[in-house]
């Protein structure tokens, strides 16, 4: 694909608009190509994870000038788009047009709130970038040389983070201290004296046998020199600044509403993550209703197992009885593997189309496991060089319940995230941005909907595993309450932890990590339950209207057939499908 200049001048914009008027389809295709190339060049690490090697030696430019330039360029792409008449496009391109319009508009609106002035996240960021090697293709000598070249520029990236942090302090836009304290602890892993003890050296400890021994020795020597000359000094400077300047300037509050224009900021995020017009107050009430409904189902299972005690006592029993936990990480890992293998053969009963790309199950790296969630998923590389990965947390197996393994695997792997995201990447004649666009309400709504498919896949037969499935649904209902509570209604962190603890059988360790996740990523937690509810409503509508003609495999294939889309567009698509079936 031909790479165009990153910044399109006024003359080019005029010419592009003229082409669009002459031939809307041609102008729109050129716009899609230009925008995709721009995204890759502006996000080098993202491009590398997709298998595009052109930017393998670069980090994302986070200088103030680059951030402002990208904002101006985004507005330029939107102007080009609006110069095209969508009614003159094909039906498929009309959908592409609307999705690109929403994406660009959201990026422009988001910029005004200044979120880029808080570049730190305790769940992954500049403090542990070595973990990104898990997402990169490191196979050849050139791959490792590219990574070393990237590491040689890490000092610039760290300095840019300092500059952004200083700008945030000046404007009163800073991160909560309770999260930044976690980052301060994570940074300690980078502050070693010997370059070969650095987390960044681990990528060079065991090199592929396809690289000859002389080159391996040279790579290790170059790695030690780059880490010792650039990486370690840069982290020492950054850690000193973080401890002496940023941490003291961080805020005691945890909610977004405590920041300048924070209430409007959160209202925007609620709309953006749910792809609805729901207000935070409406979402909060929905969460409370769902918590009450799910608790009734939980109480029925407590009666079924004959437990003598109230709801709180049963949750404490689940959190503390050794029968529900493994005592070593190896057995926990084997349980995840076994569950994955048991699910996969059953999927053909519910899906006509399954992804070609496989997935693997891997432990979350030790450097980030203590501060992250129970599991997560990363999609396959675009070029097929890396499978999807279902990452599982083996840190402290004594707090990882057996009864959540089935529901967690369904959500993160199959038929949840891997099935949906891998299929989306394999969709045929579709512009690249569509294959990687992730409307959270659809992606996470599908993941949560997939949990309900566990019953149809022969899972949750044990009442405790069934309770685990309800615990996960309750967990997402609780999210609606605590996320809006924290960021819109002035809840404290302790208040949110208490509400979570009172309603879900997650362990204390998981609950605290989850609440801190919501504090650090406002609004994202709202997408799961709202997306799931809409997908369930669409299925019930299809079942009611089609009756005996309802085919669950065809329904799922159609639902996933356009990739991730906003919920209103999904509803229109599925209603049209139902009408066609009739």
Protein backbone atom coordinates (compact mmCIF):
# COMPACT_ATOMS: atom_id res chain seq x y z
CA UNK A 1 0.00 0.00 0.00
CA UNK A 2 1.41 3.39 -1.00
CA UNK A 3 2.27 5.54 1.97
CA UNK A 4 1.05 9.15 1.71
CA UNK A 5 2.47 12.12 3.64
CA UNK A 6 1.25 12.34 7.23
CA UNK A 7 0.12 15.94 6.97
CA UNK A 8 -2.19 16.79 4.09
CA UNK A 9 -1.86 20.42 3.17
CA UNK A 10 -4.67 22.70 2.07
CA UNK A 11 -3.98 22.11 -1.61
CA UNK A 12 -4.25 18.36 -1.19
CA UNK A 13 -7.50 18.74 0.75
CA UNK A 14 -8.99 20.84 -2.06
CA UNK A 15 -7.90 18.34 -4.66
CA UNK A 16 -9.29 15.43 -2.63
CA UNK A 17 -12.63 17.21 -2.28
CA UNK A 18 -12.75 17.73 -6.04
CA UNK A 19 -12.10 14.02 -6.63
CA UNK A 20 -14.82 13.13 -4.12
CA UNK A 21 -17.34 15.29 -5.98
CA UNK A 22 -16.33 13.76 -9.29
CA UNK A 23 -16.43 10.16 -8.07
CA UNK A 24 -17.58 9.69 -4.46
CA UNK A 25 -16.58 6.03 -4.40
CA UNK A 26 -13.03 6.69 -5.56
CA UNK A 27 -12.63 9.64 -3.21
CA UNK A 28 -13.90 7.63 -0.28
CA UNK A 29 -11.60 4.69 -0.98
CA UNK A 30 -8.63 7.06 -1.16
CA UNK A 31 -9.68 8.60 2.15
CA UNK A 32 -9.92 5.18 3.81
CA UNK A 33 -6.45 4.24 2.56
CA UNK A 34 -4.92 7.56 3.60
CA UNK A 35 -6.45 7.40 7.05
CA UNK A 36 -5.32 3.84 7.65
CA UNK A 37 -1.75 4.61 6.60
CA UNK A 38 -1.83 7.64 8.89
CA UNK A 39 -3.01 5.52 11.82
CA UNK A 40 -0.17 3.04 11.34
CA UNK A 41 2.49 5.73 11.04
CA UNK A 42 1.13 7.53 14.11
CA UNK A 43 1.02 4.30 16.17
CA UNK A 44 4.26 2.42 15.44
CA UNK A 45 3.85 -0.17 18.18
CA UNK A 46 0.30 -0.96 17.00
CA UNK A 47 1.61 -1.36 13.45
CA UNK A 48 4.30 -3.74 14.70
CA UNK A 49 1.77 -5.89 16.56
CA UNK A 50 -0.13 -6.24 13.28
CA UNK A 51 3.02 -7.49 11.58
CA UNK A 52 3.73 -4.25 9.68
CA UNK A 53 7.51 -3.84 10.02
CA UNK A 54 7.88 -0.35 8.55
CA UNK A 55 7.81 1.39 11.93
CA UNK A 56 9.56 -1.27 14.01
CA UNK A 57 12.25 1.15 15.20
CA UNK A 58 9.95 3.89 16.47
CA UNK A 59 7.75 4.70 19.44
CA UNK A 60 4.63 6.86 19.26
CA UNK A 61 5.61 10.51 19.27
CA UNK A 62 4.08 12.02 22.43
CA UNK A 63 5.62 15.46 22.14
CA UNK A 64 3.08 18.31 22.52
CA UNK A 65 3.65 19.35 18.90
CA UNK A 66 2.97 15.82 17.63
CA UNK A 67 -0.18 15.47 19.72
CA UNK A 68 -1.51 18.81 18.46
CA UNK A 69 -0.57 17.92 14.88
CA UNK A 70 -2.45 14.62 15.05
CA UNK A 71 -5.52 16.47 16.36
CA UNK A 72 -5.36 18.88 13.39
CA UNK A 73 -4.90 15.96 11.00
CA UNK A 74 -7.91 14.17 12.50
CA UNK A 75 -10.02 17.25 11.84
CA UNK A 76 -8.67 17.28 8.28
CA UNK A 77 -9.79 13.69 7.72
CA UNK A 78 -13.25 14.55 9.02
CA UNK A 79 -13.48 17.51 6.64
CA UNK A 80 -12.54 15.25 3.73
CA UNK A 81 -15.16 12.75 4.81
CA UNK A 82 -17.94 15.31 5.13
CA UNK A 83 -17.18 16.54 1.61
CA UNK A 84 -18.39 13.16 0.32
CA UNK A 85 -22.11 12.50 -0.12
CA UNK A 86 -22.77 9.19 1.67
CA UNK A 87 -25.95 8.62 -0.36
CA UNK A 88 -23.78 8.30 -3.48
CA UNK A 89 -21.89 5.37 -1.95
CA UNK A 90 -22.70 1.67 -1.97
CA UNK A 91 -24.62 0.31 1.06
CA UNK A 92 -21.44 -1.27 2.45
CA UNK A 93 -19.50 1.96 2.03
CA UNK A 94 -22.32 3.88 3.67
CA UNK A 95 -21.69 1.77 6.77
CA UNK A 96 -17.95 2.37 6.46
CA UNK A 97 -18.64 6.10 6.12
CA UNK A 98 -20.79 6.21 9.25
CA UNK A 99 -18.30 4.22 11.32
CA UNK A 100 -15.39 6.38 10.25
CA UNK A 101 -17.42 9.53 10.90
CA UNK A 102 -18.23 8.42 14.44
CA UNK A 103 -14.65 7.39 15.12
CA UNK A 104 -13.15 10.67 13.94
CA UNK A 105 -15.81 12.76 15.67
CA UNK A 106 -15.21 10.97 18.98
CA UNK A 107 -11.44 11.49 18.71
CA UNK A 108 -11.94 15.20 18.14
CA UNK A 109 -14.40 15.57 21.01
CA UNK A 110 -12.19 13.55 23.36
CA UNK A 111 -9.21 15.81 22.77
CA UNK A 112 -10.84 18.82 24.45
CA UNK A 113 -10.83 17.09 27.85
CA UNK A 114 -7.05 16.70 27.98
CA UNK A 115 -6.82 13.02 28.77
CA UNK A 116 -3.48 12.90 26.96
CA UNK A 117 -2.05 14.92 29.85
CA UNK A 118 -2.40 11.81 32.06
CA UNK A 119 -0.18 9.33 30.18
CA UNK A 120 0.22 6.91 33.10
CA UNK A 121 -1.74 3.74 33.77
CA UNK A 122 -0.94 1.24 36.50
CA UNK A 123 -2.14 -1.66 34.34
CA UNK A 124 0.52 -1.18 31.69
CA UNK A 125 2.51 1.70 30.36
CA UNK A 126 5.89 3.29 30.21
CA UNK A 127 6.92 1.60 33.47
CA UNK A 128 6.90 -1.89 31.91
CA UNK A 129 7.16 -1.59 28.14
CA UNK A 130 9.31 -4.72 28.03
CA UNK A 131 6.07 -6.72 28.26
CA UNK A 132 5.21 -5.53 24.73
CA UNK A 133 7.62 -8.10 23.34
CA UNK A 134 4.87 -10.66 23.99
CA UNK A 135 2.89 -8.99 21.18
CA UNK A 136 5.75 -8.56 18.71
CA UNK A 137 7.27 -10.95 16.24
CA UNK A 138 10.82 -11.57 17.43
CA UNK A 139 12.11 -14.33 15.19
CA UNK A 140 14.91 -13.05 12.95
CA UNK A 141 18.11 -11.14 13.49
CA UNK A 142 16.44 -8.09 11.90
CA UNK A 143 13.50 -8.34 14.36
CA UNK A 144 15.86 -8.16 17.34
CA UNK A 145 17.91 -5.37 15.78
CA UNK A 146 14.69 -3.40 15.25
CA UNK A 147 13.74 -3.87 18.91
CA UNK A 148 17.20 -2.72 20.00
CA UNK A 149 16.88 0.37 17.81
CA UNK A 150 13.54 1.07 19.46
CA UNK A 151 15.07 0.66 22.90
CA UNK A 152 17.75 3.15 21.93
CA UNK A 153 14.99 5.78 21.71
CA UNK A 154 13.30 4.90 25.00
CA UNK A 155 14.89 7.87 26.75
CA UNK A 156 13.03 10.26 24.42
CA UNK A 157 9.73 8.50 25.14
CA UNK A 158 10.29 8.76 28.90
CA UNK A 159 11.16 12.45 28.59
CA UNK A 160 7.94 13.01 26.65
CA UNK A 161 5.98 11.36 29.46
CA UNK A 162 7.63 13.74 31.91
CA UNK A 163 6.71 16.71 29.72
CA UNK A 164 3.08 15.58 29.49
CA UNK A 165 2.95 14.97 33.24
CA UNK A 166 4.29 18.47 33.92
CA UNK A 167 1.67 19.96 31.59
CA UNK A 168 -1.03 17.99 33.38
CA UNK A 169 0.15 19.24 36.77
CA UNK A 170 0.03 22.83 35.48
CA UNK A 171 -3.59 22.38 34.34
CA UNK A 172 -4.76 20.38 37.36
CA UNK A 173 -5.30 17.23 35.28
CA UNK A 174 -3.48 14.51 37.22
CA UNK A 175 -4.01 10.86 38.07
CA UNK A 176 -5.25 9.53 41.44
CA UNK A 177 -2.45 8.94 43.94
CA UNK A 178 -3.69 5.48 44.90
CA UNK A 179 -2.95 4.31 41.35
CA UNK A 180 0.30 6.20 40.98
CA UNK A 181 1.63 4.52 44.12
CA UNK A 182 1.32 1.24 42.25
CA UNK A 183 3.40 2.61 39.38
CA UNK A 184 6.08 3.79 41.79
CA UNK A 185 6.38 0.20 43.01
CA UNK A 186 6.39 -1.20 39.48
CA UNK A 187 9.24 1.11 38.52
CA UNK A 188 11.48 -0.54 41.09
CA UNK A 189 11.85 -3.54 38.75
CA UNK A 190 13.58 -1.27 36.23
CA UNK A 191 16.09 0.17 38.70
CA UNK A 192 18.81 -2.48 38.50
CA UNK A 193 22.57 -1.96 38.40
CA UNK A 194 23.43 -4.72 35.94
CA UNK A 195 21.95 -4.35 32.43
CA UNK A 196 21.66 -8.13 32.16
CA UNK A 197 19.34 -8.13 35.16
CA UNK A 198 16.96 -5.65 33.49
CA UNK A 199 13.52 -6.89 32.43
CA UNK A 200 14.44 -5.65 28.95
CA UNK A 201 17.28 -8.13 28.70
CA UNK A 202 14.95 -11.12 29.08
CA UNK A 203 13.99 -10.94 25.39
CA UNK A 204 17.64 -11.71 24.58
CA UNK A 205 18.21 -14.46 27.15
CA UNK A 206 16.94 -17.25 24.89
CA UNK A 207 17.27 -16.39 21.21
CA UNK A 208 15.85 -18.50 18.34
CA UNK A 209 18.07 -21.29 17.07
CA UNK A 210 17.65 -19.87 13.56
CA UNK A 211 20.04 -17.05 14.59
CA UNK A 212 23.61 -18.35 14.52
CA UNK A 213 25.68 -18.33 17.70
CA UNK A 214 27.96 -15.48 16.68
CA UNK A 215 24.99 -13.22 15.96
CA UNK A 216 23.37 -14.29 19.21
CA UNK A 217 26.45 -13.28 21.15
CA UNK A 218 26.60 -9.95 19.31
CA UNK A 219 22.90 -9.29 19.98
CA UNK A 220 23.33 -9.91 23.70
CA UNK A 221 26.32 -7.62 23.85
CA UNK A 222 24.47 -4.89 21.95
CA UNK A 223 21.44 -5.36 24.21
CA UNK A 224 23.57 -5.01 27.35
CA UNK A 225 25.17 -1.85 25.96
CA UNK A 226 21.88 -0.24 24.88
CA UNK A 227 20.19 -1.07 28.15
CA UNK A 228 23.14 0.13 30.20
CA UNK A 229 23.73 3.30 28.16
CA UNK A 230 20.11 4.37 27.44
CA UNK A 231 17.41 2.37 29.22
CA UNK A 232 18.69 2.24 32.80
CA UNK A 233 19.76 5.92 33.05
CA UNK A 234 16.46 7.00 31.48
CA UNK A 235 14.45 4.99 34.01
CA UNK A 236 16.49 6.36 36.90
CA UNK A 237 15.75 9.92 35.78
CA UNK A 238 12.11 9.10 35.22
CA UNK A 239 11.71 7.29 38.56
CA UNK A 240 13.31 10.23 40.41
CA UNK A 241 10.96 12.70 38.70
CA UNK A 242 7.97 10.47 39.32
CA UNK A 243 8.75 10.10 43.04
CA UNK A 244 9.77 13.70 43.67
CA UNK A 245 7.35 15.61 41.42
CA UNK A 246 4.43 13.63 40.01
CA UNK A 247 3.51 11.43 42.95
CA UNK A 248 3.27 14.39 45.37
CA UNK A 249 1.22 16.31 42.78
CA UNK A 250 -1.19 13.44 42.15
CA UNK A 251 -4.67 13.80 43.60
CA UNK A 252 -6.33 12.26 46.62
CA UNK A 253 -9.68 12.06 44.78
CA UNK A 254 -10.45 9.10 42.54
CA UNK A 255 -13.41 10.18 40.42
CA UNK A 256 -13.24 11.90 37.06
CA UNK A 257 -15.75 14.50 38.22
CA UNK A 258 -13.03 15.93 40.49
CA UNK A 259 -11.10 17.15 37.43
CA UNK A 260 -11.80 20.30 35.41
CA UNK A 261 -14.90 19.68 33.26
CA UNK A 262 -14.89 16.16 34.69
CA UNK A 263 -18.66 15.71 34.75
CA UNK A 264 -19.00 16.47 31.05
CA UNK A 265 -15.95 14.34 30.36
CA UNK A 266 -17.58 11.34 32.04
CA UNK A 267 -20.88 11.93 30.24
CA UNK A 268 -18.95 11.80 26.96
CA UNK A 269 -17.18 8.59 27.98
CA UNK A 270 -20.49 6.97 28.98
CA UNK A 271 -21.90 7.71 25.52
CA UNK A 272 -18.70 6.65 23.78
CA UNK A 273 -18.20 3.33 25.57
CA UNK A 274 -21.86 2.25 25.48
CA UNK A 275 -22.62 3.68 22.00
CA UNK A 276 -25.94 4.86 23.47
CA UNK A 277 -27.39 8.16 24.68
CA UNK A 278 -27.82 6.82 28.20
CA UNK A 279 -26.88 9.23 30.98
CA UNK A 280 -24.72 8.18 33.94
CA UNK A 281 -27.80 8.40 36.20
CA UNK A 282 -29.77 6.06 33.92
CA UNK A 283 -26.86 3.63 33.82
CA UNK A 284 -26.55 3.72 37.61
CA UNK A 285 -30.26 2.83 38.02
CA UNK A 286 -29.98 0.03 35.45
CA UNK A 287 -27.05 -1.38 37.42
CA UNK A 288 -28.99 -1.41 40.67
CA UNK A 289 -31.91 -3.19 38.96
CA UNK A 290 -29.59 -5.83 37.49
CA UNK A 291 -27.88 -6.39 40.84
CA UNK A 292 -31.26 -7.12 42.44
CA UNK A 293 -32.32 -9.47 39.64
CA UNK A 294 -29.09 -11.50 39.64
CA UNK A 295 -29.05 -11.77 43.42
CA UNK A 296 -32.41 -13.56 43.29
CA UNK A 297 -30.91 -16.18 40.98
CA UNK A 298 -27.93 -16.53 43.29
CA UNK A 299 -30.15 -17.08 46.30
CA UNK A 300 -31.86 -19.95 44.46
CA UNK A 301 -28.49 -21.72 44.05
CA UNK A 302 -27.63 -21.15 47.70
CA UNK A 303 -30.86 -22.94 48.56
CA UNK A 304 -30.05 -25.70 46.05
CA UNK A 305 -26.71 -26.56 47.68
CA UNK A 306 -28.29 -26.50 51.14
CA UNK A 307 -26.03 -23.85 52.60
CA UNK A 308 -27.10 -22.73 56.05
CA UNK A 309 -26.40 -19.05 56.31
CA UNK A 310 -27.20 -15.76 54.63
CA UNK A 311 -25.91 -14.35 51.35
CA UNK A 312 -22.89 -12.65 52.91
CA UNK A 313 -21.91 -15.86 54.72
CA UNK A 314 -22.09 -17.83 51.47
CA UNK A 315 -19.82 -15.34 49.71
CA UNK A 316 -17.34 -15.58 52.57
CA UNK A 317 -17.50 -19.38 52.33
CA UNK A 318 -16.64 -19.22 48.62
CA UNK A 319 -13.75 -16.82 49.26
CA UNK A 320 -12.16 -18.82 52.07
CA UNK A 321 -12.84 -22.55 51.70
CA UNK A 322 -9.70 -24.29 50.29
CA UNK A 323 -11.83 -26.67 48.20
CA UNK A 324 -12.44 -23.86 45.73
CA UNK A 325 -8.77 -23.04 45.10
CA UNK A 326 -5.57 -24.57 43.77
CA UNK A 327 -2.46 -24.44 45.93
CA UNK A 328 0.02 -24.02 43.06
CA UNK A 329 0.09 -22.13 39.73
CA UNK A 330 0.81 -25.22 37.60
CA UNK A 331 -2.47 -26.91 38.52
CA UNK A 332 -4.37 -23.68 37.95
CA UNK A 333 -2.79 -23.34 34.50
CA UNK A 334 -3.65 -26.93 33.60
CA UNK A 335 -7.27 -26.30 34.58
CA UNK A 336 -7.45 -23.37 32.16
CA UNK A 337 -5.95 -25.50 29.38
CA UNK A 338 -8.34 -28.38 30.01
CA UNK A 339 -11.39 -26.12 30.00
CA UNK A 340 -10.33 -24.52 26.71
CA UNK A 341 -9.92 -27.91 25.07
CA UNK A 342 -13.31 -29.06 26.35
CA UNK A 343 -15.15 -26.05 24.92
CA UNK A 344 -13.70 -25.95 21.40
CA UNK A 345 -15.36 -29.13 19.96
CA UNK A 346 -18.83 -27.94 21.07
CA UNK A 347 -18.78 -24.67 19.17
CA UNK A 348 -20.05 -26.07 15.86
CA UNK A 349 -23.49 -26.44 17.43
CA UNK A 350 -23.80 -22.68 17.85
CA UNK A 351 -21.72 -21.23 15.00
CA UNK A 352 -21.65 -21.83 11.27
CA UNK A 353 -18.40 -19.92 10.84
CA UNK A 354 -15.39 -20.23 13.12
CA UNK A 355 -12.08 -18.35 12.83
CA UNK A 356 -9.19 -19.96 11.01
CA UNK A 357 -6.65 -18.47 13.40
CA UNK A 358 -6.07 -20.50 16.60
CA UNK A 359 -5.42 -19.17 20.08
CA UNK A 360 -3.09 -20.16 22.89
CA UNK A 361 -3.25 -19.96 26.68
CA UNK A 362 -0.32 -18.21 28.39
CA UNK A 363 0.45 -17.00 31.91
CA UNK A 364 0.38 -13.24 32.44
CA UNK A 365 4.00 -12.03 32.86
CA UNK A 366 5.18 -11.91 36.47
CA UNK A 367 6.10 -8.22 36.20
CA UNK A 368 2.49 -7.14 35.72
CA UNK A 369 0.48 -10.03 37.22
CA UNK A 370 0.10 -8.59 40.76
CA UNK A 371 -1.54 -5.39 39.50
CA UNK A 372 -3.76 -6.67 36.73
CA UNK A 373 -7.00 -8.62 36.41
CA UNK A 374 -7.71 -12.35 36.40
CA UNK A 375 -7.33 -12.73 32.64
CA UNK A 376 -7.38 -10.88 29.33
CA UNK A 377 -7.04 -11.53 25.62
CA UNK A 378 -4.87 -10.18 22.81
CA UNK A 379 -5.89 -10.60 19.20
CA UNK A 380 -3.79 -12.40 16.53
CA UNK A 381 -1.27 -10.55 14.40
CA UNK A 382 -2.73 -9.34 11.13
CA UNK A 383 -0.16 -11.25 9.06
CA UNK A 384 -0.90 -14.55 10.78
CA UNK A 385 2.51 -14.67 12.48
CA UNK A 386 1.04 -14.83 15.99
CA UNK A 387 -2.07 -16.57 17.26
CA UNK A 388 -4.56 -15.00 19.63
CA UNK A 389 -3.53 -15.28 23.26
CA UNK A 390 -5.73 -15.92 26.28
CA UNK A 391 -3.64 -14.59 29.18
CA UNK A 392 -4.39 -16.07 32.61
CA UNK A 393 -3.20 -14.76 35.96
CA UNK A 394 -1.35 -17.40 37.99
CA UNK A 395 -0.13 -14.96 40.65
CA UNK A 396 -1.39 -16.14 44.06
CA UNK A 397 -3.44 -19.17 42.93
CA UNK A 398 -5.01 -19.27 46.38
CA UNK A 399 -7.17 -16.27 45.35
CA UNK A 400 -8.20 -17.65 41.91
CA UNK A 401 -11.42 -19.68 42.37
CA UNK A 402 -11.98 -22.90 40.47
CA UNK A 403 -15.63 -21.99 39.96
CA UNK A 404 -14.79 -19.05 37.70
CA UNK A 405 -12.55 -20.92 35.24
CA UNK A 406 -15.35 -22.02 32.90
CA UNK A 407 -17.05 -18.65 32.65
CA UNK A 408 -13.76 -16.77 32.34
CA UNK A 409 -12.58 -19.02 29.51
CA UNK A 410 -15.85 -18.64 27.63
CA UNK A 411 -15.54 -14.85 27.86
CA UNK A 412 -11.88 -14.36 26.97
CA UNK A 413 -11.30 -17.19 24.49
CA UNK A 414 -14.07 -19.16 22.80
CA UNK A 415 -16.78 -18.29 21.95
CA UNK A 416 -15.97 -14.87 23.41
CA UNK A 417 -13.18 -12.52 22.43
CA UNK A 418 -11.07 -14.83 20.30
CA UNK A 419 -13.97 -16.01 18.17
CA UNK A 420 -15.32 -12.48 17.61
CA UNK A 421 -12.05 -10.60 17.13
CA UNK A 422 -10.33 -13.25 15.03
CA UNK A 423 -13.39 -13.52 12.80
CA UNK A 424 -13.45 -9.75 12.46
CA UNK A 425 -9.84 -9.76 11.25
CA UNK A 426 -10.71 -12.46 8.72
CA UNK A 427 -13.70 -10.64 7.23
CA UNK A 428 -13.23 -10.43 3.48
CA UNK A 429 -13.51 -7.24 1.45
CA UNK A 430 -13.48 -4.74 4.27
CA UNK A 431 -11.28 -1.69 4.89
CA UNK A 432 -8.53 -2.34 7.45
CA UNK A 433 -9.87 0.11 10.03
CA UNK A 434 -13.05 -1.98 10.22
CA UNK A 435 -11.09 -5.15 10.95
CA UNK A 436 -9.45 -3.54 13.97
CA UNK A 437 -12.10 -1.07 15.11
CA UNK A 438 -13.31 -1.99 18.57
CA UNK A 439 -16.60 -0.50 19.73
CA UNK A 440 -16.35 -1.62 23.34
CA UNK A 441 -20.10 -2.11 23.82
CA UNK A 442 -20.09 -4.65 20.99
CA UNK A 443 -16.78 -6.37 21.80
CA UNK A 444 -17.32 -6.66 25.55
CA UNK A 445 -21.08 -7.06 25.18
CA UNK A 446 -20.36 -10.08 23.00
CA UNK A 447 -17.91 -11.40 25.57
CA UNK A 448 -20.50 -11.19 28.33
CA UNK A 449 -23.25 -12.60 26.09
CA UNK A 450 -20.90 -15.50 25.34
CA UNK A 451 -20.85 -16.35 29.02
CA UNK A 452 -24.56 -17.16 28.80
CA UNK A 453 -23.77 -19.57 25.94
CA UNK A 454 -21.86 -21.70 28.44
CA UNK A 455 -25.13 -23.42 29.36
CA UNK A 456 -25.66 -24.41 25.71
CA UNK A 457 -22.06 -25.65 25.54
CA UNK A 458 -22.54 -28.07 28.43
CA UNK A 459 -20.80 -25.93 31.08
CA UNK A 460 -21.92 -24.78 34.54
CA UNK A 461 -23.36 -28.20 35.42
CA UNK A 462 -21.83 -28.00 38.89
CA UNK A 463 -23.93 -25.59 41.01
CA UNK A 464 -20.82 -23.78 42.16
CA UNK A 465 -19.70 -23.27 38.56
CA UNK A 466 -23.25 -22.03 37.84
CA UNK A 467 -22.86 -19.64 40.76
CA UNK A 468 -19.52 -18.60 39.26
CA UNK A 469 -21.28 -17.70 36.01
CA UNK A 470 -23.79 -15.61 37.96
CA UNK A 471 -20.90 -14.06 39.89
CA UNK A 472 -19.40 -12.88 36.61
CA UNK A 473 -22.71 -11.44 35.45
CA UNK A 474 -23.14 -9.79 38.85
CA UNK A 475 -19.61 -8.45 38.55
CA UNK A 476 -20.59 -6.61 35.34
CA UNK A 477 -23.83 -5.34 36.88
CA UNK A 478 -21.85 -4.04 39.86
CA UNK A 479 -19.62 -2.22 37.38
CA UNK A 480 -22.53 -0.09 36.23
CA UNK A 481 -23.11 1.02 39.80
CA UNK A 482 -19.55 1.56 41.01
CA UNK A 483 -18.18 3.16 37.84
CA UNK A 484 -20.92 5.78 37.75
CA UNK A 485 -20.69 6.05 41.52
CA UNK A 486 -16.95 6.73 41.48
CA UNK A 487 -16.82 9.10 38.54
CA UNK A 488 -20.18 10.89 38.65
CA UNK A 489 -21.74 10.57 42.09
CA UNK A 490 -18.78 11.24 44.34
CA UNK A 491 -18.29 7.71 45.73
CA UNK A 492 -15.08 6.95 47.56
CA UNK A 493 -12.83 4.04 46.64
CA UNK A 494 -13.77 2.30 49.91
CA UNK A 495 -17.47 2.74 49.16
CA UNK A 496 -17.05 1.12 45.74
CA UNK A 497 -15.01 -1.78 47.17
CA UNK A 498 -17.68 -2.36 49.81
CA UNK A 499 -20.53 -2.45 47.30
CA UNK A 500 -18.59 -4.91 45.14
CA UNK A 501 -17.73 -7.10 48.14
CA UNK A 502 -21.35 -7.20 49.31
CA UNK A 503 -22.71 -8.42 45.99
CA UNK A 504 -20.14 -10.65 44.26
CA UNK A 505 -18.08 -13.66 45.28
CA UNK A 506 -14.87 -12.28 43.82
CA UNK A 507 -11.93 -12.41 46.23
CA UNK A 508 -10.74 -9.29 48.03
CA UNK A 509 -7.58 -9.15 45.90
CA UNK A 510 -9.58 -9.22 42.68
CA UNK A 511 -12.10 -6.69 43.95
CA UNK A 512 -9.45 -4.12 44.84
CA UNK A 513 -7.69 -4.61 41.48
CA UNK A 514 -11.01 -4.27 39.67
CA UNK A 515 -12.01 -1.07 41.45
CA UNK A 516 -8.60 0.43 40.73
CA UNK A 517 -9.04 -0.58 37.10
CA UNK A 518 -12.30 1.39 36.92
CA UNK A 519 -10.67 4.36 38.59
CA UNK A 520 -7.90 4.31 35.99
CA UNK A 521 -10.14 3.80 32.95
CA UNK A 522 -13.41 5.70 33.51
CA UNK A 523 -16.45 4.55 31.56
CA UNK A 524 -14.98 1.42 29.96
CA UNK A 525 -16.63 -0.84 32.53
CA UNK A 526 -20.08 0.38 31.46
CA UNK A 527 -19.88 -1.29 28.05
CA UNK A 528 -20.12 -4.96 29.10
CA UNK A 529 -23.58 -5.19 30.63
CA UNK A 530 -25.22 -2.69 28.31
CA UNK A 531 -23.84 -4.49 25.26
CA UNK A 532 -24.91 -7.88 26.63
CA UNK A 533 -28.45 -6.68 27.37
CA UNK A 534 -28.87 -5.36 23.81
CA UNK A 535 -27.56 -8.58 22.23
CA UNK A 536 -29.87 -10.69 24.42
CA UNK A 537 -32.80 -8.48 23.40
CA UNK A 538 -31.93 -8.98 19.73
CA UNK A 539 -31.82 -12.75 20.19
CA UNK A 540 -35.17 -12.81 21.99
CA UNK A 541 -36.69 -10.69 19.23
CA UNK A 542 -35.35 -13.04 16.56
CA UNK A 543 -36.58 -16.12 18.42
CA UNK A 544 -40.03 -14.60 18.89
CA UNK A 545 -40.46 -13.37 15.31
CA UNK A 546 -38.93 -16.36 13.53
CA UNK A 547 -40.33 -19.11 15.75
CA UNK A 548 -39.35 -22.52 14.39
CA UNK A 549 -37.37 -20.87 11.61
CA UNK A 550 -34.90 -19.42 14.12
CA UNK A 551 -31.41 -20.86 13.51
CA UNK A 552 -28.95 -20.03 16.26
CA UNK A 553 -25.95 -20.65 13.98
CA UNK A 554 -27.26 -18.28 11.33
CA UNK A 555 -28.17 -15.69 13.99
CA UNK A 556 -24.65 -15.69 15.44
CA UNK A 557 -23.01 -15.60 12.01
CA UNK A 558 -25.07 -12.55 11.04
CA UNK A 559 -24.47 -10.84 14.36
CA UNK A 560 -20.71 -11.18 13.93
CA UNK A 561 -20.68 -10.74 10.17
CA UNK A 562 -19.99 -7.00 10.08
CA UNK A 563 -17.43 -6.91 12.88
CA UNK A 564 -17.80 -4.57 15.83
CA UNK A 565 -20.42 -1.87 15.25
CA UNK A 566 -22.32 0.54 17.54
CA UNK A 567 -25.39 -0.97 19.17
CA UNK A 568 -27.90 1.11 17.21
CA UNK A 569 -26.38 0.01 13.90
CA UNK A 570 -26.28 -3.59 15.14
CA UNK A 571 -29.99 -3.42 15.91
CA UNK A 572 -30.76 -2.09 12.41
CA UNK A 573 -28.64 -4.83 10.85
CA UNK A 574 -30.30 -7.64 12.80
CA UNK A 575 -33.83 -6.32 12.23
CA UNK A 576 -33.12 -6.30 8.49
CA UNK A 577 -31.85 -9.88 8.75
CA UNK A 578 -34.97 -10.99 10.62
CA UNK A 579 -37.17 -9.37 7.98
CA UNK A 580 -35.20 -11.13 5.24
CA UNK A 581 -35.67 -14.49 6.98
CA UNK A 582 -39.42 -13.88 7.06
